[in-house]
Amino acid sequence: MLEIRPTCENCNTSLPNESKDAMICTFECTFCKDCVDTVLYNVCPNCEGGFTKRPTRPSHLLEKYPVSTKVIYKPVDQDTFKELLERLRDTNPRER
């Protein structure tokens, strides 16, 4: 089951369950749409995969399956990420 993490890993922007700006990779690394589009260019700095819109947990299930309160805040080191981005930016995530 998805954790539904509460913030962007890069900029720490709040991404509540109902956020339309939450993006995740296949390992649930969570970033805001702005960071995915303007910093990461659809390349996950952790697993090298791409991103998709995070689903919203139905409100009637939140009590039984609450969203995560665990904040993962580790801003992307642009110097380290630059090489990875140059290598993968123009490669379709399904072909990485």
PDB file of N, CA and C in Angstrom:
ATOM      1  N   MET A   1       0.835  -1.169   0.000  1.00  0.00           N
ATOM      2  CA  MET A   1       0.000   0.000   0.000  1.00  0.00           C
ATOM      3  C   MET A   1       0.888   1.243   0.000  1.00  0.00           C
ATOM      4  N   LEU A   2       0.512   2.246  -0.773  1.00  0.00           N
ATOM      5  CA  LEU A   2       1.273   3.496  -0.829  1.00  0.00           C
ATOM      6  C   LEU A   2       1.318   4.191   0.527  1.00  0.00           C
ATOM      7  N   GLU A   3       2.467   4.783   0.823  1.00  0.00           N
ATOM      8  CA  GLU A   3       2.597   5.540   2.066  1.00  0.00           C
ATOM      9  C   GLU A   3       1.855   6.867   2.019  1.00  0.00           C
ATOM     10  N   ILE A   4       1.772   7.494   0.847  1.00  0.00           N
ATOM     11  CA  ILE A   4       1.246   8.857   0.694  1.00  0.00           C
ATOM     12  C   ILE A   4       2.067   9.779   1.595  1.00  0.00           C
ATOM     13  N   ARG A   5       3.321   9.984   1.206  1.00  0.00           N
ATOM     14  CA  ARG A   5       4.237  10.819   1.984  1.00  0.00           C
ATOM     15  C   ARG A   5       3.802  12.281   1.957  1.00  0.00           C
ATOM     16  N   PRO A   6       4.066  13.013   3.040  1.00  0.00           N
ATOM     17  CA  PRO A   6       3.478  14.338   3.219  1.00  0.00           C
ATOM     18  C   PRO A   6       4.175  15.518   2.557  1.00  0.00           C
ATOM     19  N   THR A   7       5.399  15.347   2.073  1.00  0.00           N
ATOM     20  CA  THR A   7       6.127  16.497   1.522  1.00  0.00           C
ATOM     21  C   THR A   7       7.020  16.092   0.346  1.00  0.00           C
ATOM     22  N   CYS A   8       7.462  17.099  -0.385  1.00  0.00           N
ATOM     23  CA  CYS A   8       8.422  16.902  -1.477  1.00  0.00           C
ATOM     24  C   CYS A   8       9.798  16.645  -0.874  1.00  0.00           C
ATOM     25  N   GLU A   9      10.473  15.636  -1.366  1.00  0.00           N
ATOM     26  CA  GLU A   9      11.815  15.312  -0.870  1.00  0.00           C
ATOM     27  C   GLU A   9      12.829  16.407  -1.167  1.00  0.00           C
ATOM     28  N   ASN A  10      12.607  17.170  -2.217  1.00  0.00           N
ATOM     29  CA  ASN A  10      13.583  18.184  -2.609  1.00  0.00           C
ATOM     30  C   ASN A  10      13.338  19.538  -1.947  1.00  0.00           C
ATOM     31  N   CYS A  11      12.125  20.055  -2.012  1.00  0.00           N
ATOM     32  CA  CYS A  11      11.861  21.414  -1.509  1.00  0.00           C
ATOM     33  C   CYS A  11      11.028  21.445  -0.236  1.00  0.00           C
ATOM     34  N   ASN A  12      10.573  20.296   0.217  1.00  0.00           N
ATOM     35  CA  ASN A  12       9.800  20.155   1.451  1.00  0.00           C
ATOM     36  C   ASN A  12       8.413  20.800   1.382  1.00  0.00           C
ATOM     37  N   THR A  13       7.922  21.070   0.180  1.00  0.00           N
ATOM     38  CA  THR A  13       6.566  21.587   0.013  1.00  0.00           C
ATOM     39  C   THR A  13       5.569  20.554   0.518  1.00  0.00           C
ATOM     40  N   SER A  14       4.541  21.014   1.177  1.00  0.00           N
ATOM     41  CA  SER A  14       3.496  20.135   1.679  1.00  0.00           C
ATOM     42  C   SER A  14       2.742  19.484   0.522  1.00  0.00           C
ATOM     43  N   LEU A  15       2.550  18.180   0.619  1.00  0.00           N
ATOM     44  CA  LEU A  15       1.816  17.416  -0.398  1.00  0.00           C
ATOM     45  C   LEU A  15       0.786  16.529   0.305  1.00  0.00           C
ATOM     46  N   PRO A  16      -0.292  17.144   0.772  1.00  0.00           N
ATOM     47  CA  PRO A  16      -1.314  16.353   1.466  1.00  0.00           C
ATOM     48  C   PRO A  16      -1.955  15.333   0.528  1.00  0.00           C
ATOM     49  N   ASN A  17      -2.692  14.424   1.090  1.00  0.00           N
ATOM     50  CA  ASN A  17      -3.341  13.360   0.338  1.00  0.00           C
ATOM     51  C   ASN A  17      -4.070  13.868  -0.901  1.00  0.00           C
ATOM     52  N   GLU A  18      -4.761  14.986  -0.787  1.00  0.00           N
ATOM     53  CA  GLU A  18      -5.575  15.489  -1.892  1.00  0.00           C
ATOM     54  C   GLU A  18      -4.793  16.346  -2.897  1.00  0.00           C
ATOM     55  N   SER A  19      -3.482  16.473  -2.702  1.00  0.00           N
ATOM     56  CA  SER A  19      -2.667  17.301  -3.587  1.00  0.00           C
ATOM     57  C   SER A  19      -2.684  16.789  -5.024  1.00  0.00           C
ATOM     58  N   LYS A  20      -2.841  17.727  -5.945  1.00  0.00           N
ATOM     59  CA  LYS A  20      -2.786  17.388  -7.367  1.00  0.00           C
ATOM     60  C   LYS A  20      -1.365  17.551  -7.905  1.00  0.00           C
ATOM     61  N   ASP A  21      -0.452  17.992  -7.050  1.00  0.00           N
ATOM     62  CA  ASP A  21       0.936  18.241  -7.460  1.00  0.00           C
ATOM     63  C   ASP A  21       1.914  17.176  -6.979  1.00  0.00           C
ATOM     64  N   ALA A  22       1.434  16.124  -6.346  1.00  0.00           N
ATOM     65  CA  ALA A  22       2.312  15.075  -5.836  1.00  0.00           C
ATOM     66  C   ALA A  22       2.658  14.084  -6.942  1.00  0.00           C
ATOM     67  N   MET A  23       3.946  13.806  -7.090  1.00  0.00           N
ATOM     68  CA  MET A  23       4.443  12.871  -8.095  1.00  0.00           C
ATOM     69  C   MET A  23       5.264  11.798  -7.374  1.00  0.00           C
ATOM     70  N   ILE A  24       5.193  10.565  -7.868  1.00  0.00           N
ATOM     71  CA  ILE A  24       5.967   9.478  -7.268  1.00  0.00           C
ATOM     72  C   ILE A  24       6.664   8.670  -8.356  1.00  0.00           C
ATOM     73  N   CYS A  25       7.761   8.016  -7.944  1.00  0.00           N
ATOM     74  CA  CYS A  25       8.425   7.059  -8.824  1.00  0.00           C
ATOM     75  C   CYS A  25       7.980   5.665  -8.395  1.00  0.00           C
ATOM     76  N   THR A  26       8.543   4.656  -8.988  1.00  0.00           N
ATOM     77  CA  THR A  26       8.136   3.282  -8.678  1.00  0.00           C
ATOM     78  C   THR A  26       8.470   2.861  -7.246  1.00  0.00           C
ATOM     79  N   PHE A  27       9.405   3.572  -6.597  1.00  0.00           N
ATOM     80  CA  PHE A  27       9.757   3.259  -5.213  1.00  0.00           C
ATOM     81  C   PHE A  27       9.125   4.240  -4.229  1.00  0.00           C
ATOM     82  N   GLU A  28       8.157   5.020  -4.706  1.00  0.00           N
ATOM     83  CA  GLU A  28       7.430   5.992  -3.904  1.00  0.00           C
ATOM     84  C   GLU A  28       8.241   7.202  -3.479  1.00  0.00           C
ATOM     85  N   CYS A  29       9.380   7.432  -4.116  1.00  0.00           N
ATOM     86  CA  CYS A  29      10.066   8.691  -3.870  1.00  0.00           C
ATOM     87  C   CYS A  29       9.045   9.754  -4.250  1.00  0.00           C
ATOM     88  N   THR A  30       8.885  10.765  -3.421  1.00  0.00           N
ATOM     89  CA  THR A  30       7.808  11.728  -3.601  1.00  0.00           C
ATOM     90  C   THR A  30       8.357  13.129  -3.800  1.00  0.00           C
ATOM     91  N   PHE A  31       7.937  13.758  -4.886  1.00  0.00           N
ATOM     92  CA  PHE A  31       8.368  15.111  -5.217  1.00  0.00           C
ATOM     93  C   PHE A  31       7.161  15.890  -5.712  1.00  0.00           C
ATOM     94  N   CYS A  32       7.236  17.206  -5.611  1.00  0.00           N
ATOM     95  CA  CYS A  32       6.162  18.039  -6.151  1.00  0.00           C
ATOM     96  C   CYS A  32       6.338  18.141  -7.664  1.00  0.00           C
ATOM     97  N   LYS A  33       5.261  18.449  -8.340  1.00  0.00           N
ATOM     98  CA  LYS A  33       5.281  18.551  -9.801  1.00  0.00           C
ATOM     99  C   LYS A  33       6.281  19.598 -10.273  1.00  0.00           C
ATOM    100  N   ASP A  34       6.391  20.697  -9.547  1.00  0.00           N
ATOM    101  CA  ASP A  34       7.327  21.745  -9.936  1.00  0.00           C
ATOM    102  C   ASP A  34       8.769  21.222  -9.929  1.00  0.00           C
ATOM    103  N   CYS A  35       9.170  20.512  -8.886  1.00  0.00           N
ATOM    104  CA  CYS A  35      10.532  19.961  -8.836  1.00  0.00           C
ATOM    105  C   CYS A  35      10.747  18.911  -9.917  1.00  0.00           C
ATOM    106  N   VAL A  36       9.745  18.063 -10.162  1.00  0.00           N
ATOM    107  CA  VAL A  36       9.863  17.043 -11.207  1.00  0.00           C
ATOM    108  C   VAL A  36      10.061  17.699 -12.570  1.00  0.00           C
ATOM    109  N   ASP A  37       9.338  18.789 -12.820  1.00  0.00           N
ATOM    110  CA  ASP A  37       9.390  19.445 -14.132  1.00  0.00           C
ATOM    111  C   ASP A  37      10.585  20.378 -14.321  1.00  0.00           C
ATOM    112  N   THR A  38      11.014  21.069 -13.260  1.00  0.00           N
ATOM    113  CA  THR A  38      12.024  22.123 -13.440  1.00  0.00           C
ATOM    114  C   THR A  38      13.392  21.826 -12.821  1.00  0.00           C
ATOM    115  N   VAL A  39      13.466  20.806 -11.975  1.00  0.00           N
ATOM    116  CA  VAL A  39      14.745  20.452 -11.341  1.00  0.00           C
ATOM    117  C   VAL A  39      15.195  19.057 -11.767  1.00  0.00           C
ATOM    118  N   LEU A  40      14.261  18.112 -11.725  1.00  0.00           N
ATOM    119  CA  LEU A  40      14.592  16.706 -11.973  1.00  0.00           C
ATOM    120  C   LEU A  40      14.368  16.281 -13.423  1.00  0.00           C
ATOM    121  N   TYR A  41      13.548  16.998 -14.134  1.00  0.00           N
ATOM    122  CA  TYR A  41      13.249  16.685 -15.541  1.00  0.00           C
ATOM    123  C   TYR A  41      12.852  15.219 -15.732  1.00  0.00           C
ATOM    124  N   ASN A  42      11.985  14.769 -14.820  1.00  0.00           N
ATOM    125  CA  ASN A  42      11.430  13.412 -14.856  1.00  0.00           C
ATOM    126  C   ASN A  42      12.480  12.312 -14.666  1.00  0.00           C
ATOM    127  N   VAL A  43      13.548  12.621 -13.949  1.00  0.00           N
ATOM    128  CA  VAL A  43      14.568  11.623 -13.601  1.00  0.00           C
ATOM    129  C   VAL A  43      14.648  11.550 -12.079  1.00  0.00           C
ATOM    130  N   CYS A  44      14.267  10.428 -11.502  1.00  0.00           N
ATOM    131  CA  CYS A  44      14.341  10.283 -10.047  1.00  0.00           C
ATOM    132  C   CYS A  44      15.809  10.223  -9.635  1.00  0.00           C
ATOM    133  N   PRO A  45      16.234  11.094  -8.721  1.00  0.00           N
ATOM    134  CA  PRO A  45      17.631  11.099  -8.297  1.00  0.00           C
ATOM    135  C   PRO A  45      18.006   9.885  -7.449  1.00  0.00           C
ATOM    136  N   ASN A  46      17.011   9.141  -6.996  1.00  0.00           N
ATOM    137  CA  ASN A  46      17.268   7.980  -6.143  1.00  0.00           C
ATOM    138  C   ASN A  46      17.337   6.671  -6.916  1.00  0.00           C
ATOM    139  N   CYS A  47      16.429   6.492  -7.888  1.00  0.00           N
ATOM    140  CA  CYS A  47      16.367   5.206  -8.602  1.00  0.00           C
ATOM    141  C   CYS A  47      16.541   5.331 -10.110  1.00  0.00           C
ATOM    142  N   GLU A  48      16.605   6.553 -10.620  1.00  0.00           N
ATOM    143  CA  GLU A  48      16.775   6.847 -12.043  1.00  0.00           C
ATOM    144  C   GLU A  48      15.512   6.613 -12.869  1.00  0.00           C
ATOM    145  N   GLY A  49      14.408   6.285 -12.234  1.00  0.00           N
ATOM    146  CA  GLY A  49      13.154   6.082 -12.945  1.00  0.00           C
ATOM    147  C   GLY A  49      12.456   7.390 -13.244  1.00  0.00           C
ATOM    148  N   GLY A  50      11.279   7.276 -13.820  1.00  0.00           N
ATOM    149  CA  GLY A  50      10.459   8.441 -14.110  1.00  0.00           C
ATOM    150  C   GLY A  50       9.381   8.599 -13.058  1.00  0.00           C
ATOM    151  N   PHE A  51       8.549   9.604 -13.238  1.00  0.00           N
ATOM    152  CA  PHE A  51       7.507   9.912 -12.264  1.00  0.00           C
ATOM    153  C   PHE A  51       6.123   9.803 -12.883  1.00  0.00           C
ATOM    154  N   THR A  52       5.154   9.583 -12.010  1.00  0.00           N
ATOM    155  CA  THR A  52       3.755   9.590 -12.382  1.00  0.00           C
ATOM    156  C   THR A  52       2.987  10.298 -11.278  1.00  0.00           C
ATOM    157  N   LYS A  53       1.798  10.746 -11.594  1.00  0.00           N
ATOM    158  CA  LYS A  53       0.970  11.429 -10.606  1.00  0.00           C
ATOM    159  C   LYS A  53       0.613  10.454  -9.484  1.00  0.00           C
ATOM    160  N   ARG A  54       0.761  10.923  -8.237  1.00  0.00           N
ATOM    161  CA  ARG A  54       0.422  10.066  -7.091  1.00  0.00           C
ATOM    162  C   ARG A  54      -1.095   9.996  -6.936  1.00  0.00           C
ATOM    163  N   PRO A  55      -1.634   8.795  -6.743  1.00  0.00           N
ATOM    164  CA  PRO A  55      -3.079   8.689  -6.533  1.00  0.00           C
ATOM    165  C   PRO A  55      -3.482   9.264  -5.173  1.00  0.00           C
ATOM    166  N   THR A  56      -4.744   9.547  -5.036  1.00  0.00           N
ATOM    167  CA  THR A  56      -5.300  10.048  -3.786  1.00  0.00           C
ATOM    168  C   THR A  56      -6.011   8.909  -3.072  1.00  0.00           C
ATOM    169  N   ARG A  57      -5.749   8.774  -1.785  1.00  0.00           N
ATOM    170  CA  ARG A  57      -6.444   7.744  -1.012  1.00  0.00           C
ATOM    171  C   ARG A  57      -7.871   8.220  -0.752  1.00  0.00           C
ATOM    172  N   PRO A  58      -8.861   7.388  -1.019  1.00  0.00           N
ATOM    173  CA  PRO A  58     -10.248   7.784  -0.778  1.00  0.00           C
ATOM    174  C   PRO A  58     -10.471   8.186   0.688  1.00  0.00           C
ATOM    175  N   SER A  59     -11.188   9.267   0.880  1.00  0.00           N
ATOM    176  CA  SER A  59     -11.370   9.820   2.232  1.00  0.00           C
ATOM    177  C   SER A  59     -12.009   8.832   3.195  1.00  0.00           C
ATOM    178  N   HIS A  60     -12.884   7.977   2.710  1.00  0.00           N
ATOM    179  CA  HIS A  60     -13.537   7.022   3.620  1.00  0.00           C
ATOM    180  C   HIS A  60     -12.579   5.934   4.112  1.00  0.00           C
ATOM    181  N   LEU A  61     -11.375   5.865   3.540  1.00  0.00           N
ATOM    182  CA  LEU A  61     -10.403   4.857   3.977  1.00  0.00           C
ATOM    183  C   LEU A  61      -9.253   5.459   4.792  1.00  0.00           C
ATOM    184  N   LEU A  62      -9.254   6.769   4.961  1.00  0.00           N
ATOM    185  CA  LEU A  62      -8.142   7.417   5.667  1.00  0.00           C
ATOM    186  C   LEU A  62      -8.028   7.015   7.126  1.00  0.00           C
ATOM    187  N   GLU A  63      -9.126   6.780   7.785  1.00  0.00           N
ATOM    188  CA  GLU A  63      -9.050   6.381   9.195  1.00  0.00           C
ATOM    189  C   GLU A  63      -8.437   4.989   9.326  1.00  0.00           C
ATOM    190  N   LYS A  64      -8.851   4.086   8.470  1.00  0.00           N
ATOM    191  CA  LYS A  64      -8.328   2.719   8.507  1.00  0.00           C
ATOM    192  C   LYS A  64      -6.906   2.646   7.962  1.00  0.00           C
ATOM    193  N   TYR A  65      -6.614   3.452   6.933  1.00  0.00           N
ATOM    194  CA  TYR A  65      -5.304   3.460   6.285  1.00  0.00           C
ATOM    195  C   TYR A  65      -4.776   4.894   6.217  1.00  0.00           C
ATOM    196  N   PRO A  66      -4.281   5.408   7.324  1.00  0.00           N
ATOM    197  CA  PRO A  66      -3.836   6.810   7.343  1.00  0.00           C
ATOM    198  C   PRO A  66      -2.611   7.038   6.457  1.00  0.00           C
ATOM    199  N   VAL A  67      -2.483   8.275   6.006  1.00  0.00           N
ATOM    200  CA  VAL A  67      -1.318   8.638   5.211  1.00  0.00           C
ATOM    201  C   VAL A  67      -0.103   8.748   6.128  1.00  0.00           C
ATOM    202  N   SER A  68       1.060   8.692   5.551  1.00  0.00           N
ATOM    203  CA  SER A  68       2.302   8.751   6.318  1.00  0.00           C
ATOM    204  C   SER A  68       2.538  10.156   6.886  1.00  0.00           C
ATOM    205  N   THR A  69       3.181  10.202   8.024  1.00  0.00           N
ATOM    206  CA  THR A  69       3.613  11.475   8.614  1.00  0.00           C
ATOM    207  C   THR A  69       5.132  11.594   8.538  1.00  0.00           C
ATOM    208  N   LYS A  70       5.773  10.596   7.966  1.00  0.00           N
ATOM    209  CA  LYS A  70       7.232  10.552   7.863  1.00  0.00           C
ATOM    210  C   LYS A  70       7.722  11.490   6.758  1.00  0.00           C
ATOM    211  N   VAL A  71       8.447  12.517   7.152  1.00  0.00           N
ATOM    212  CA  VAL A  71       8.988  13.478   6.193  1.00  0.00           C
ATOM    213  C   VAL A  71      10.368  13.010   5.739  1.00  0.00           C
ATOM    214  N   ILE A  72      10.557  12.926   4.447  1.00  0.00           N
ATOM    215  CA  ILE A  72      11.868  12.624   3.871  1.00  0.00           C
ATOM    216  C   ILE A  72      12.296  13.886   3.130  1.00  0.00           C
ATOM    217  N   TYR A  73      13.245  14.579   3.713  1.00  0.00           N
ATOM    218  CA  TYR A  73      13.711  15.845   3.131  1.00  0.00           C
ATOM    219  C   TYR A  73      15.198  15.726   2.879  1.00  0.00           C
ATOM    220  N   LYS A  74      15.547  15.544   1.625  1.00  0.00           N
ATOM    221  CA  LYS A  74      16.950  15.451   1.238  1.00  0.00           C
ATOM    222  C   LYS A  74      17.110  16.136  -0.110  1.00  0.00           C
ATOM    223  N   PRO A  75      17.287  17.450  -0.076  1.00  0.00           N
ATOM    224  CA  PRO A  75      17.399  18.216  -1.318  1.00  0.00           C
ATOM    225  C   PRO A  75      18.443  17.619  -2.262  1.00  0.00           C
ATOM    226  N   VAL A  76      18.143  17.670  -3.530  1.00  0.00           N
ATOM    227  CA  VAL A  76      19.017  17.107  -4.551  1.00  0.00           C
ATOM    228  C   VAL A  76      20.292  17.942  -4.655  1.00  0.00           C
ATOM    229  N   ASP A  77      21.424  17.270  -4.578  1.00  0.00           N
ATOM    230  CA  ASP A  77      22.720  17.924  -4.776  1.00  0.00           C
ATOM    231  C   ASP A  77      22.895  18.082  -6.279  1.00  0.00           C
ATOM    232  N   GLN A  78      22.760  19.307  -6.756  1.00  0.00           N
ATOM    233  CA  GLN A  78      22.776  19.556  -8.196  1.00  0.00           C
ATOM    234  C   GLN A  78      24.085  19.148  -8.865  1.00  0.00           C
ATOM    235  N   ASP A  79      25.207  19.273  -8.170  1.00  0.00           N
ATOM    236  CA  ASP A  79      26.488  18.869  -8.759  1.00  0.00           C
ATOM    237  C   ASP A  79      26.529  17.361  -8.996  1.00  0.00           C
ATOM    238  N   THR A  80      26.056  16.604  -8.035  1.00  0.00           N
ATOM    239  CA  THR A  80      26.030  15.147  -8.156  1.00  0.00           C
ATOM    240  C   THR A  80      24.983  14.707  -9.178  1.00  0.00           C
ATOM    241  N   PHE A  81      23.837  15.365  -9.163  1.00  0.00           N
ATOM    242  CA  PHE A  81      22.721  15.000 -10.033  1.00  0.00           C
ATOM    243  C   PHE A  81      22.976  15.358 -11.498  1.00  0.00           C
ATOM    244  N   LYS A  82      23.805  16.339 -11.743  1.00  0.00           N
ATOM    245  CA  LYS A  82      24.042  16.844 -13.105  1.00  0.00           C
ATOM    246  C   LYS A  82      24.464  15.733 -14.075  1.00  0.00           C
ATOM    247  N   GLU A  83      25.396  14.898 -13.667  1.00  0.00           N
ATOM    248  CA  GLU A  83      25.874  13.812 -14.535  1.00  0.00           C
ATOM    249  C   GLU A  83      24.757  12.819 -14.838  1.00  0.00           C
ATOM    250  N   LEU A  84      24.004  12.440 -13.818  1.00  0.00           N
ATOM    251  CA  LEU A  84      22.884  11.514 -14.004  1.00  0.00           C
ATOM    252  C   LEU A  84      21.847  12.126 -14.945  1.00  0.00           C
ATOM    253  N   LEU A  85      21.528  13.385 -14.733  1.00  0.00           N
ATOM    254  CA  LEU A  85      20.554  14.067 -15.571  1.00  0.00           C
ATOM    255  C   LEU A  85      21.008  14.142 -17.022  1.00  0.00           C
ATOM    256  N   GLU A  86      22.261  14.462 -17.256  1.00  0.00           N
ATOM    257  CA  GLU A  86      22.780  14.531 -18.623  1.00  0.00           C
ATOM    258  C   GLU A  86      22.689  13.187 -19.327  1.00  0.00           C
ATOM    259  N   ARG A  87      22.886  12.117 -18.578  1.00  0.00           N
ATOM    260  CA  ARG A  87      22.856  10.775 -19.154  1.00  0.00           C
ATOM    261  C   ARG A  87      21.425  10.291 -19.447  1.00  0.00           C
ATOM    262  N   LEU A  88      20.463  10.680 -18.593  1.00  0.00           N
ATOM    263  CA  LEU A  88      19.127  10.085 -18.695  1.00  0.00           C
ATOM    264  C   LEU A  88      18.003  11.023 -19.125  1.00  0.00           C
ATOM    265  N   ARG A  89      18.240  12.305 -19.147  1.00  0.00           N
ATOM    266  CA  ARG A  89      17.168  13.277 -19.393  1.00  0.00           C
ATOM    267  C   ARG A  89      16.386  13.002 -20.674  1.00  0.00           C
ATOM    268  N   ASP A  90      17.040  12.610 -21.717  1.00  0.00           N
ATOM    269  CA  ASP A  90      16.363  12.397 -22.997  1.00  0.00           C
ATOM    270  C   ASP A  90      16.006  10.936 -23.267  1.00  0.00           C
ATOM    271  N   THR A  91      16.108  10.103 -22.254  1.00  0.00           N
ATOM    272  CA  THR A  91      15.768   8.688 -22.389  1.00  0.00           C
ATOM    273  C   THR A  91      14.417   8.427 -21.748  1.00  0.00           C
ATOM    274  N   ASN A  92      13.520   7.826 -22.473  1.00  0.00           N
ATOM    275  CA  ASN A  92      12.214   7.488 -21.937  1.00  0.00           C
ATOM    276  C   ASN A  92      12.387   6.635 -20.687  1.00  0.00           C
ATOM    277  N   PRO A  93      11.672   6.944 -19.594  1.00  0.00           N
ATOM    278  CA  PRO A  93      11.809   6.161 -18.358  1.00  0.00           C
ATOM    279  C   PRO A  93      11.619   4.661 -18.545  1.00  0.00           C
ATOM    280  N   ARG A  94      10.782   4.265 -19.483  1.00  0.00           N
ATOM    281  CA  ARG A  94      10.564   2.827 -19.719  1.00  0.00           C
ATOM    282  C   ARG A  94      11.735   2.153 -20.422  1.00  0.00           C
ATOM    283  N   GLU A  95      12.682   2.963 -20.872  1.00  0.00           N
ATOM    284  CA  GLU A  95      13.856   2.423 -21.568  1.00  0.00           C
ATOM    285  C   GLU A  95      15.146   2.613 -20.788  1.00  0.00           C
ATOM    286  N   ARG A  96      15.047   3.065 -19.555  1.00  0.00           N
ATOM    287  CA  ARG A  96      16.250   3.287 -18.745  1.00  0.00           C
ATOM    288  C   ARG A  96      16.761   2.008 -18.136  1.00  0.00           C
TER     289      ARG A  96
END
